């Protein structure tokens, strides 16, 4: 009887040990699966975060360009160029204005109201300079207005490679601003002005300009009518490499806040015969009323 009991105990102990070993193996497989899931989730998170950072850089750069270009300024958006003679010999009253715009590096001439017409510059296909009203003073009482010149261009920069102490050279999208005395007659000091980096590892940058006459994008700003001072839209073609070395490309279309209208010449005044009846004469000449009017003087029938 005792021998039978001992054999049963040994059998139950053997089964229990086998079950424990099987449980350990199963638990190992479960743990491997959990570790694999956690590792994949971590890798997915890292890729998503890095992709978001790459997307944030390009979106920030494009938002900055849209902010500047949407507020581009030129009086030609709402008026016309001065049609008179800027020669002081033939028009002595224009002598001071003629001096201001003679070989001016930033402005090409006055408008009908005497406002300066800026000169937009496309120095290269990836180097654009224009006047905008997007400036915001950083310090209180700083001697700046909301007008400023801004430059977007592609150039080489030197950066530190992944914190290893080594430096490498890459192309980057850069921005320069000139907010001090935007009406000065001096050339813009491109070489002496600090640039801010908007996007690194840029392969190419190209500007194109919308031509209302041909209804096409033109690579040459001079191909657009008054393109040096009047832009209806800009196309930005940008190629760059992300953190993983993948080449990416984006094309954006930007437009100014100014509506697309054609400035109209003012209606000329039609002076009445009577000296005091100018207003009535104008209304009569344009709308078919009584010439000469009655507001400034009397008609012959009333005398």
C-alpha atoms as a PDB file:
ATOM      1  CA  UNK A   1       0.000   0.000   0.000  1.00  0.00           C
ATOM      2  CA  UNK A   2       2.822   2.378   0.860  1.00  0.00           C
ATOM      3  CA  UNK A   3       4.631   1.582  -2.379  1.00  0.00           C
ATOM      4  CA  UNK A   4       1.526   2.425  -4.396  1.00  0.00           C
ATOM      5  CA  UNK A   5       1.135   5.764  -2.638  1.00  0.00           C
ATOM      6  CA  UNK A   6       4.752   6.687  -3.299  1.00  0.00           C
ATOM      7  CA  UNK A   7       4.433   5.885  -7.000  1.00  0.00           C
ATOM      8  CA  UNK A   8       1.342   8.066  -7.260  1.00  0.00           C
ATOM      9  CA  UNK A   9       3.172  10.950  -5.572  1.00  0.00           C
ATOM     10  CA  UNK A  10       6.140  10.544  -7.885  1.00  0.00           C
ATOM     11  CA  UNK A  11       3.806  10.530 -10.905  1.00  0.00           C
ATOM     12  CA  UNK A  12       1.997  13.679  -9.791  1.00  0.00           C
ATOM     13  CA  UNK A  13       5.325  15.382  -9.105  1.00  0.00           C
ATOM     14  CA  UNK A  14       6.572  14.467 -12.599  1.00  0.00           C
ATOM     15  CA  UNK A  15       3.466  15.817 -14.252  1.00  0.00           C
ATOM     16  CA  UNK A  16       3.712  19.016 -12.262  1.00  0.00           C
ATOM     17  CA  UNK A  17       7.325  19.545 -13.326  1.00  0.00           C
ATOM     18  CA  UNK A  18       6.401  18.962 -16.978  1.00  0.00           C
ATOM     19  CA  UNK A  19       3.550  21.434 -16.760  1.00  0.00           C
ATOM     20  CA  UNK A  20       5.861  24.013 -15.232  1.00  0.00           C
ATOM     21  CA  UNK A  21       8.392  23.581 -18.051  1.00  0.00           C
ATOM     22  CA  UNK A  22       5.646  23.940 -20.681  1.00  0.00           C
ATOM     23  CA  UNK A  23       4.321  27.034 -18.948  1.00  0.00           C
ATOM     24  CA  UNK A  24       7.787  28.588 -18.926  1.00  0.00           C
ATOM     25  CA  UNK A  25       8.188  27.938 -22.663  1.00  0.00           C
ATOM     26  CA  UNK A  26       4.767  29.416 -23.423  1.00  0.00           C
ATOM     27  CA  UNK A  27       5.492  32.406 -21.232  1.00  0.00           C
ATOM     28  CA  UNK A  28       8.783  32.921 -23.075  1.00  0.00           C
ATOM     29  CA  UNK A  29       6.945  33.065 -26.415  1.00  0.00           C
ATOM     30  CA  UNK A  30       4.440  35.518 -24.965  1.00  0.00           C
ATOM     31  CA  UNK A  31       7.232  37.719 -23.618  1.00  0.00           C
ATOM     32  CA  UNK A  32       9.017  37.648 -26.973  1.00  0.00           C
ATOM     33  CA  UNK A  33       5.792  38.782 -28.645  1.00  0.00           C
ATOM     34  CA  UNK A  34       5.289  41.564 -26.110  1.00  0.00           C
ATOM     35  CA  UNK A  35       8.892  42.764 -26.525  1.00  0.00           C
ATOM     36  CA  UNK A  36       8.532  42.698 -30.320  1.00  0.00           C
ATOM     37  CA  UNK A  37       5.312  44.722 -30.161  1.00  0.00           C
ATOM     38  CA  UNK A  38       6.867  47.274 -27.816  1.00  0.00           C
ATOM     39  CA  UNK A  39       9.963  47.550 -30.034  1.00  0.00           C
ATOM     40  CA  UNK A  40       7.869  48.030 -33.173  1.00  0.00           C
ATOM     41  CA  UNK A  41       5.742  50.634 -31.412  1.00  0.00           C
ATOM     42  CA  UNK A  42       8.848  52.516 -30.277  1.00  0.00           C
ATOM     43  CA  UNK A  43      10.331  52.431 -33.778  1.00  0.00           C
ATOM     44  CA  UNK A  44       7.034  53.599 -35.249  1.00  0.00           C
ATOM     45  CA  UNK A  45       6.902  56.427 -32.723  1.00  0.00           C
ATOM     46  CA  UNK A  46      10.474  57.487 -33.541  1.00  0.00           C
ATOM     47  CA  UNK A  47       9.763  57.462 -37.281  1.00  0.00           C
ATOM     48  CA  UNK A  48       6.543  59.408 -36.799  1.00  0.00           C
ATOM     49  CA  UNK A  49       8.209  62.014 -34.579  1.00  0.00           C
ATOM     50  CA  UNK A  50      11.089  62.442 -37.027  1.00  0.00           C
ATOM     51  CA  UNK A  51       8.677  62.685 -39.952  1.00  0.00           C
ATOM     52  CA  UNK A  52       6.662  65.295 -38.071  1.00  0.00           C
ATOM     53  CA  UNK A  53       9.842  67.269 -37.411  1.00  0.00           C
ATOM     54  CA  UNK A  54      10.769  67.155 -41.088  1.00  0.00           C
ATOM     55  CA  UNK A  55       7.253  68.223 -42.084  1.00  0.00           C
ATOM     56  CA  UNK A  56       7.286  70.972 -39.466  1.00  0.00           C
ATOM     57  CA  UNK A  57      10.503  72.415 -40.895  1.00  0.00           C
ATOM     58  CA  UNK A  58       9.169  72.657 -44.440  1.00  0.00           C
ATOM     59  CA  UNK A  59       5.775  73.941 -43.311  1.00  0.00           C
ATOM     60  CA  UNK A  60       7.427  76.581 -41.117  1.00  0.00           C
ATOM     61  CA  UNK A  61       9.617  77.704 -44.010  1.00  0.00           C
ATOM     62  CA  UNK A  62       6.648  77.900 -46.387  1.00  0.00           C
ATOM     63  CA  UNK A  63       4.525  79.721 -43.793  1.00  0.00           C
ATOM     64  CA  UNK A  64       7.246  82.338 -43.362  1.00  0.00           C
ATOM     65  CA  UNK A  65       7.461  82.861 -47.128  1.00  0.00           C
ATOM     66  CA  UNK A  66       3.678  83.106 -47.402  1.00  0.00           C
ATOM     67  CA  UNK A  67       3.589  85.648 -44.554  1.00  0.00           C
ATOM     68  CA  UNK A  68       6.081  87.902 -46.349  1.00  0.00           C
ATOM     69  CA  UNK A  69       4.749  87.531 -49.873  1.00  0.00           C
ATOM     70  CA  UNK A  70       1.069  87.867 -48.949  1.00  0.00           C
ATOM     71  CA  UNK A  71       1.881  91.378 -47.678  1.00  0.00           C
ATOM     72  CA  UNK A  72       4.053  92.401 -50.612  1.00  0.00           C
ATOM     73  CA  UNK A  73       3.722  96.115 -51.287  1.00  0.00           C
ATOM     74  CA  UNK A  74       3.642  98.234 -54.423  1.00  0.00           C
ATOM     75  CA  UNK A  75       1.410 101.199 -55.337  1.00  0.00           C
ATOM     76  CA  UNK A  76       0.835  99.599 -58.742  1.00  0.00           C
ATOM     77  CA  UNK A  77      -1.682  97.276 -57.093  1.00  0.00           C
ATOM     78  CA  UNK A  78      -4.116 100.189 -56.804  1.00  0.00           C
ATOM     79  CA  UNK A  79      -2.801 103.023 -58.977  1.00  0.00           C
ATOM     80  CA  UNK A  80      -0.746 103.723 -62.097  1.00  0.00           C
ATOM     81  CA  UNK A  81       2.752 104.878 -62.847  1.00  0.00           C
ATOM     82  CA  UNK A  82       3.420 108.579 -63.174  1.00  0.00           C
ATOM     83  CA  UNK A  83       2.765 109.472 -66.790  1.00  0.00           C
ATOM     84  CA  UNK A  84       4.322 112.932 -66.759  1.00  0.00           C
ATOM     85  CA  UNK A  85       7.817 114.037 -67.645  1.00  0.00           C
ATOM     86  CA  UNK A  86      10.528 113.539 -65.017  1.00  0.00           C
ATOM     87  CA  UNK A  87      12.988 115.685 -66.942  1.00  0.00           C
ATOM     88  CA  UNK A  88      13.667 118.814 -64.797  1.00  0.00           C
ATOM     89  CA  UNK A  89      14.393 120.876 -67.934  1.00  0.00           C
ATOM     90  CA  UNK A  90      10.931 120.255 -69.400  1.00  0.00           C
ATOM     91  CA  UNK A  91       9.142 120.071 -66.043  1.00  0.00           C
ATOM     92  CA  UNK A  92      10.876 122.300 -63.454  1.00  0.00           C
ATOM     93  CA  UNK A  93       8.346 121.425 -60.745  1.00  0.00           C
ATOM     94  CA  UNK A  94       9.453 117.799 -60.774  1.00  0.00           C
ATOM     95  CA  UNK A  95      13.120 118.543 -60.100  1.00  0.00           C
ATOM     96  CA  UNK A  96      13.129 117.189 -56.519  1.00  0.00           C
ATOM     97  CA  UNK A  97      11.241 114.008 -57.420  1.00  0.00           C
ATOM     98  CA  UNK A  98      13.509 113.418 -60.392  1.00  0.00           C
ATOM     99  CA  UNK A  99      16.538 113.626 -58.127  1.00  0.00           C
ATOM    100  CA  UNK A 100      15.060 111.085 -55.707  1.00  0.00           C
ATOM    101  CA  UNK A 101      14.527 108.412 -58.348  1.00  0.00           C
ATOM    102  CA  UNK A 102      17.554 109.040 -60.540  1.00  0.00           C
ATOM    103  CA  UNK A 103      19.421 105.692 -60.694  1.00  0.00           C
ATOM    104  CA  UNK A 104      17.743 104.591 -57.468  1.00  0.00           C
ATOM    105  CA  UNK A 105      18.792 101.014 -56.530  1.00  0.00           C
ATOM    106  CA  UNK A 106      15.535 100.236 -54.697  1.00  0.00           C
ATOM    107  CA  UNK A 107      12.802 102.204 -56.508  1.00  0.00           C
ATOM    108  CA  UNK A 108      12.120 102.713 -60.186  1.00  0.00           C
ATOM    109  CA  UNK A 109       9.943 105.850 -60.090  1.00  0.00           C
ATOM    110  CA  UNK A 110       6.813 107.476 -58.612  1.00  0.00           C
ATOM    111  CA  UNK A 111       3.171 106.613 -59.022  1.00  0.00           C
ATOM    112  CA  UNK A 112       0.458 109.099 -60.005  1.00  0.00           C
ATOM    113  CA  UNK A 113       0.207 110.133 -56.349  1.00  0.00           C
ATOM    114  CA  UNK A 114       3.982 110.395 -55.957  1.00  0.00           C
ATOM    115  CA  UNK A 115       4.380 107.096 -54.068  1.00  0.00           C
ATOM    116  CA  UNK A 116       7.644 105.228 -54.675  1.00  0.00           C
ATOM    117  CA  UNK A 117       7.397 102.133 -56.872  1.00  0.00           C
ATOM    118  CA  UNK A 118       9.721  99.419 -55.535  1.00  0.00           C
ATOM    119  CA  UNK A 119      12.074  97.433 -57.715  1.00  0.00           C
ATOM    120  CA  UNK A 120      11.728  93.684 -57.135  1.00  0.00           C
ATOM    121  CA  UNK A 121      14.906  91.788 -57.932  1.00  0.00           C
ATOM    122  CA  UNK A 122      15.361  88.243 -59.203  1.00  0.00           C
ATOM    123  CA  UNK A 123      19.120  88.040 -58.910  1.00  0.00           C
ATOM    124  CA  UNK A 124      19.106  84.347 -59.845  1.00  0.00           C
ATOM    125  CA  UNK A 125      16.364  81.767 -60.287  1.00  0.00           C
ATOM    126  CA  UNK A 126      16.751  80.988 -56.552  1.00  0.00           C
ATOM    127  CA  UNK A 127      17.341  84.537 -55.251  1.00  0.00           C
ATOM    128  CA  UNK A 128      14.340  86.875 -54.872  1.00  0.00           C
ATOM    129  CA  UNK A 129      14.188  90.324 -53.198  1.00  0.00           C
ATOM    130  CA  UNK A 130      10.972  92.328 -52.681  1.00  0.00           C
ATOM    131  CA  UNK A 131       9.351  94.968 -50.457  1.00  0.00           C
ATOM    132  CA  UNK A 132       6.733  93.857 -47.930  1.00  0.00           C
ATOM    133  CA  UNK A 133       4.719  95.275 -45.045  1.00  0.00           C
ATOM    134  CA  UNK A 134       5.164  92.184 -42.837  1.00  0.00           C
ATOM    135  CA  UNK A 135       7.773  93.696 -40.508  1.00  0.00           C
ATOM    136  CA  UNK A 136       6.986  93.659 -36.790  1.00  0.00           C
ATOM    137  CA  UNK A 137       9.180  95.559 -34.357  1.00  0.00           C
ATOM    138  CA  UNK A 138      10.944  93.363 -31.821  1.00  0.00           C
ATOM    139  CA  UNK A 139      11.625  96.201 -29.375  1.00  0.00           C
ATOM    140  CA  UNK A 140       9.294  98.955 -28.225  1.00  0.00           C
ATOM    141  CA  UNK A 141       9.947 102.404 -29.712  1.00  0.00           C
ATOM    142  CA  UNK A 142      12.376 100.920 -32.218  1.00  0.00           C
ATOM    143  CA  UNK A 143      12.828 103.205 -35.211  1.00  0.00           C
ATOM    144  CA  UNK A 144      11.240 100.829 -37.714  1.00  0.00           C
ATOM    145  CA  UNK A 145       7.986 100.725 -39.629  1.00  0.00           C
ATOM    146  CA  UNK A 146       6.053  97.752 -40.972  1.00  0.00           C
ATOM    147  CA  UNK A 147       7.861  98.186 -44.306  1.00  0.00           C
ATOM    148  CA  UNK A 148      10.965  96.114 -44.959  1.00  0.00           C
ATOM    149  CA  UNK A 149      12.900  94.492 -47.762  1.00  0.00           C
ATOM    150  CA  UNK A 150      13.172  90.713 -47.588  1.00  0.00           C
ATOM    151  CA  UNK A 151      15.369  88.299 -49.491  1.00  0.00           C
ATOM    152  CA  UNK A 152      14.952  84.548 -50.004  1.00  0.00           C
ATOM    153  CA  UNK A 153      17.838  82.646 -51.551  1.00  0.00           C
ATOM    154  CA  UNK A 154      19.770  79.379 -51.658  1.00  0.00           C
ATOM    155  CA  UNK A 155      23.340  79.229 -50.371  1.00  0.00           C
ATOM    156  CA  UNK A 156      25.906  76.968 -48.688  1.00  0.00           C
ATOM    157  CA  UNK A 157      26.113  76.784 -44.890  1.00  0.00           C
ATOM    158  CA  UNK A 158      28.386  74.878 -42.511  1.00  0.00           C
ATOM    159  CA  UNK A 159      26.759  72.813 -39.760  1.00  0.00           C
ATOM    160  CA  UNK A 160      27.910  70.341 -37.121  1.00  0.00           C
ATOM    161  CA  UNK A 161      27.262  66.724 -38.062  1.00  0.00           C
ATOM    162  CA  UNK A 162      25.123  64.944 -35.422  1.00  0.00           C
ATOM    163  CA  UNK A 163      27.041  66.337 -32.440  1.00  0.00           C
ATOM    164  CA  UNK A 164      30.219  64.433 -33.378  1.00  0.00           C
ATOM    165  CA  UNK A 165      32.269  67.585 -33.593  1.00  0.00           C
ATOM    166  CA  UNK A 166      32.678  67.245 -37.352  1.00  0.00           C
ATOM    167  CA  UNK A 167      31.431  69.938 -39.709  1.00  0.00           C
ATOM    168  CA  UNK A 168      29.847  69.514 -43.090  1.00  0.00           C
ATOM    169  CA  UNK A 169      28.658  71.873 -45.803  1.00  0.00           C
ATOM    170  CA  UNK A 170      25.151  71.768 -47.197  1.00  0.00           C
ATOM    171  CA  UNK A 171      22.794  74.039 -49.110  1.00  0.00           C
ATOM    172  CA  UNK A 172      20.023  75.766 -47.193  1.00  0.00           C
ATOM    173  CA  UNK A 173      17.055  78.058 -47.748  1.00  0.00           C
ATOM    174  CA  UNK A 174      18.023  81.402 -46.185  1.00  0.00           C
ATOM    175  CA  UNK A 175      16.151  84.614 -45.381  1.00  0.00           C
ATOM    176  CA  UNK A 176      17.497  88.145 -45.003  1.00  0.00           C
ATOM    177  CA  UNK A 177      15.535  91.187 -43.833  1.00  0.00           C
ATOM    178  CA  UNK A 178      16.298  94.904 -44.232  1.00  0.00           C
ATOM    179  CA  UNK A 179      13.962  96.861 -41.980  1.00  0.00           C
ATOM    180  CA  UNK A 180      16.119  99.895 -41.152  1.00  0.00           C
ATOM    181  CA  UNK A 181      15.377 102.851 -43.445  1.00  0.00           C
ATOM    182  CA  UNK A 182      13.738 100.908 -46.319  1.00  0.00           C
ATOM    183  CA  UNK A 183      13.535 104.124 -48.404  1.00  0.00           C
ATOM    184  CA  UNK A 184      17.289 104.802 -48.394  1.00  0.00           C
ATOM    185  CA  UNK A 185      19.084 105.349 -51.685  1.00  0.00           C
ATOM    186  CA  UNK A 186      21.878 102.916 -50.855  1.00  0.00           C
ATOM    187  CA  UNK A 187      22.166  99.386 -52.188  1.00  0.00           C
ATOM    188  CA  UNK A 188      20.884  96.653 -49.910  1.00  0.00           C
ATOM    189  CA  UNK A 189      23.870  95.308 -47.943  1.00  0.00           C
ATOM    190  CA  UNK A 190      23.459  91.615 -48.715  1.00  0.00           C
ATOM    191  CA  UNK A 191      27.015  90.732 -47.668  1.00  0.00           C
ATOM    192  CA  UNK A 192      26.824  92.560 -44.326  1.00  0.00           C
ATOM    193  CA  UNK A 193      23.392  91.335 -43.220  1.00  0.00           C
ATOM    194  CA  UNK A 194      22.900  88.229 -41.122  1.00  0.00           C
ATOM    195  CA  UNK A 195      20.830  85.428 -42.637  1.00  0.00           C
ATOM    196  CA  UNK A 196      18.436  83.078 -40.857  1.00  0.00           C
ATOM    197  CA  UNK A 197      18.228  79.429 -41.906  1.00  0.00           C
ATOM    198  CA  UNK A 198      14.732  78.176 -42.744  1.00  0.00           C
ATOM    199  CA  UNK A 199      15.499  74.726 -44.182  1.00  0.00           C
ATOM    200  CA  UNK A 200      18.665  72.650 -44.496  1.00  0.00           C
ATOM    201  CA  UNK A 201      19.732  69.983 -47.017  1.00  0.00           C
ATOM    202  CA  UNK A 202      18.021  71.784 -49.894  1.00  0.00           C
ATOM    203  CA  UNK A 203      18.769  70.418 -53.349  1.00  0.00           C
ATOM    204  CA  UNK A 204      17.181  73.128 -55.486  1.00  0.00           C
ATOM    205  CA  UNK A 205      15.006  76.240 -55.238  1.00  0.00           C
ATOM    206  CA  UNK A 206      13.275  77.967 -58.129  1.00  0.00           C
ATOM    207  CA  UNK A 207      10.834  80.877 -58.362  1.00  0.00           C
ATOM    208  CA  UNK A 208       8.267  81.357 -61.122  1.00  0.00           C
ATOM    209  CA  UNK A 209       5.868  84.289 -61.581  1.00  0.00           C
ATOM    210  CA  UNK A 210       2.291  84.367 -62.818  1.00  0.00           C
ATOM    211  CA  UNK A 211       1.725  86.355 -66.002  1.00  0.00           C
ATOM    212  CA  UNK A 212      -1.892  87.548 -66.395  1.00  0.00           C
ATOM    213  CA  UNK A 213      -1.310  88.269 -70.097  1.00  0.00           C
ATOM    214  CA  UNK A 214      -0.059  84.792 -71.068  1.00  0.00           C
ATOM    215  CA  UNK A 215      -1.757  82.976 -68.140  1.00  0.00           C
ATOM    216  CA  UNK A 216       1.420  80.990 -67.541  1.00  0.00           C
ATOM    217  CA  UNK A 217       4.170  80.764 -64.955  1.00  0.00           C
ATOM    218  CA  UNK A 218       7.253  82.629 -66.152  1.00  0.00           C
ATOM    219  CA  UNK A 219      10.748  81.915 -64.839  1.00  0.00           C
ATOM    220  CA  UNK A 220      11.955  85.382 -65.835  1.00  0.00           C
ATOM    221  CA  UNK A 221      10.466  88.227 -63.834  1.00  0.00           C
ATOM    222  CA  UNK A 222      11.030  90.568 -66.788  1.00  0.00           C
ATOM    223  CA  UNK A 223       8.671  88.433 -68.896  1.00  0.00           C
ATOM    224  CA  UNK A 224       5.751  89.609 -66.742  1.00  0.00           C
ATOM    225  CA  UNK A 225       4.276  93.038 -67.488  1.00  0.00           C
ATOM    226  CA  UNK A 226       5.581  95.355 -64.744  1.00  0.00           C
ATOM    227  CA  UNK A 227       6.873  92.215 -63.048  1.00  0.00           C
ATOM    228  CA  UNK A 228       9.681  94.174 -61.392  1.00  0.00           C
ATOM    229  CA  UNK A 229       7.089  95.945 -59.229  1.00  0.00           C
ATOM    230  CA  UNK A 230       3.811  94.047 -59.612  1.00  0.00           C
ATOM    231  CA  UNK A 231       3.484  90.326 -58.879  1.00  0.00           C
ATOM    232  CA  UNK A 232       0.129  88.539 -58.924  1.00  0.00           C
ATOM    233  CA  UNK A 233       1.475  85.174 -57.834  1.00  0.00           C
ATOM    234  CA  UNK A 234       4.678  83.267 -57.140  1.00  0.00           C
ATOM    235  CA  UNK A 235       5.327  79.579 -57.626  1.00  0.00           C
ATOM    236  CA  UNK A 236       7.982  78.038 -55.366  1.00  0.00           C
ATOM    237  CA  UNK A 237       9.553  74.728 -56.439  1.00  0.00           C
ATOM    238  CA  UNK A 238      11.658  73.227 -53.653  1.00  0.00           C
ATOM    239  CA  UNK A 239      13.588  69.960 -53.417  1.00  0.00           C
ATOM    240  CA  UNK A 240      15.289  68.828 -50.216  1.00  0.00           C
ATOM    241  CA  UNK A 241      16.393  65.731 -48.315  1.00  0.00           C
ATOM    242  CA  UNK A 242      14.854  64.700 -45.025  1.00  0.00           C
ATOM    243  CA  UNK A 243      16.674  63.215 -42.033  1.00  0.00           C
ATOM    244  CA  UNK A 244      16.678  59.733 -43.557  1.00  0.00           C
ATOM    245  CA  UNK A 245      18.214  60.997 -46.791  1.00  0.00           C
ATOM    246  CA  UNK A 246      15.005  60.634 -48.807  1.00  0.00           C
ATOM    247  CA  UNK A 247      14.594  63.285 -51.502  1.00  0.00           C
ATOM    248  CA  UNK A 248      11.338  65.199 -51.200  1.00  0.00           C
ATOM    249  CA  UNK A 249       9.735  67.857 -53.363  1.00  0.00           C
ATOM    250  CA  UNK A 250       7.032  70.456 -52.889  1.00  0.00           C
ATOM    251  CA  UNK A 251       5.471  73.095 -55.131  1.00  0.00           C
ATOM    252  CA  UNK A 252       3.583  75.975 -53.522  1.00  0.00           C
ATOM    253  CA  UNK A 253       1.598  78.835 -55.019  1.00  0.00           C
ATOM    254  CA  UNK A 254       1.514  82.120 -53.120  1.00  0.00           C
ATOM    255  CA  UNK A 255      -0.454  85.265 -53.851  1.00  0.00           C
ATOM    256  CA  UNK A 256      -0.622  88.743 -52.301  1.00  0.00           C
ATOM    257  CA  UNK A 257      -3.556  90.116 -50.359  1.00  0.00           C
ATOM    258  CA  UNK A 258      -4.135  92.758 -53.024  1.00  0.00           C
ATOM    259  CA  UNK A 259      -7.174  91.903 -55.196  1.00  0.00           C
ATOM    260  CA  UNK A 260      -6.662  91.372 -58.894  1.00  0.00           C
ATOM    261  CA  UNK A 261      -8.034  94.658 -60.255  1.00  0.00           C
ATOM    262  CA  UNK A 262      -6.983  96.994 -63.031  1.00  0.00           C
ATOM    263  CA  UNK A 263      -6.569 100.588 -61.756  1.00  0.00           C
ATOM    264  CA  UNK A 264      -8.855 103.031 -63.563  1.00  0.00           C
ATOM    265  CA  UNK A 265      -8.009 106.563 -64.553  1.00  0.00           C
ATOM    266  CA  UNK A 266      -9.983 109.194 -62.595  1.00  0.00           C
ATOM    267  CA  UNK A 267     -12.915 110.847 -64.366  1.00  0.00           C
ATOM    268  CA  UNK A 268     -11.749 114.255 -65.627  1.00  0.00           C
ATOM    269  CA  UNK A 269     -13.557 117.323 -64.238  1.00  0.00           C
ATOM    270  CA  UNK A 270     -15.729 119.264 -66.643  1.00  0.00           C
ATOM    271  CA  UNK A 271     -15.504 122.892 -65.514  1.00  0.00           C
ATOM    272  CA  UNK A 272     -18.577 125.044 -65.888  1.00  0.00           C
ATOM    273  CA  UNK A 273     -18.592 128.396 -67.579  1.00  0.00           C
ATOM    274  CA  UNK A 274     -19.470 130.224 -64.379  1.00  0.00           C
ATOM    275  CA  UNK A 275     -16.617 130.438 -61.867  1.00  0.00           C
ATOM    276  CA  UNK A 276     -18.763 129.343 -58.924  1.00  0.00           C
ATOM    277  CA  UNK A 277     -20.611 126.563 -60.737  1.00  0.00           C
ATOM    278  CA  UNK A 278     -17.831 123.962 -60.967  1.00  0.00           C
ATOM    279  CA  UNK A 279     -19.701 121.216 -59.122  1.00  0.00           C
ATOM    280  CA  UNK A 280     -22.952 121.706 -61.004  1.00  0.00           C
ATOM    281  CA  UNK A 281     -21.073 121.872 -64.324  1.00  0.00           C
ATOM    282  CA  UNK A 282     -19.369 118.568 -63.656  1.00  0.00           C
ATOM    283  CA  UNK A 283     -22.621 116.837 -62.797  1.00  0.00           C
ATOM    284  CA  UNK A 284     -24.322 118.418 -65.792  1.00  0.00           C
ATOM    285  CA  UNK A 285     -21.560 117.446 -68.212  1.00  0.00           C
ATOM    286  CA  UNK A 286     -21.399 113.854 -67.021  1.00  0.00           C
ATOM    287  CA  UNK A 287     -25.017 113.024 -66.153  1.00  0.00           C
ATOM    288  CA  UNK A 288     -26.829 115.192 -68.692  1.00  0.00           C
ATOM    289  CA  UNK A 289     -27.938 117.913 -66.267  1.00  0.00           C
ATOM    290  CA  UNK A 290     -28.015 121.638 -66.872  1.00  0.00           C
ATOM    291  CA  UNK A 291     -24.544 122.893 -67.898  1.00  0.00           C
ATOM    292  CA  UNK A 292     -23.221 125.569 -65.609  1.00  0.00           C
ATOM    293  CA  UNK A 293     -25.251 124.355 -62.600  1.00  0.00           C
ATOM    294  CA  UNK A 294     -27.143 126.429 -60.082  1.00  0.00           C
ATOM    295  CA  UNK A 295     -25.199 125.647 -56.909  1.00  0.00           C
ATOM    296  CA  UNK A 296     -22.430 128.166 -57.461  1.00  0.00           C
ATOM    297  CA  UNK A 297     -24.261 130.914 -59.391  1.00  0.00           C
ATOM    298  CA  UNK A 298     -27.483 132.020 -61.099  1.00  0.00           C
ATOM    299  CA  UNK A 299     -28.805 131.066 -64.574  1.00  0.00           C
ATOM    300  CA  UNK A 300     -29.578 133.698 -67.156  1.00  0.00           C
ATOM    301  CA  UNK A 301     -33.339 133.071 -66.768  1.00  0.00           C
ATOM    302  CA  UNK A 302     -33.114 133.952 -63.062  1.00  0.00           C
ATOM    303  CA  UNK A 303     -31.392 137.254 -63.586  1.00  0.00           C
END
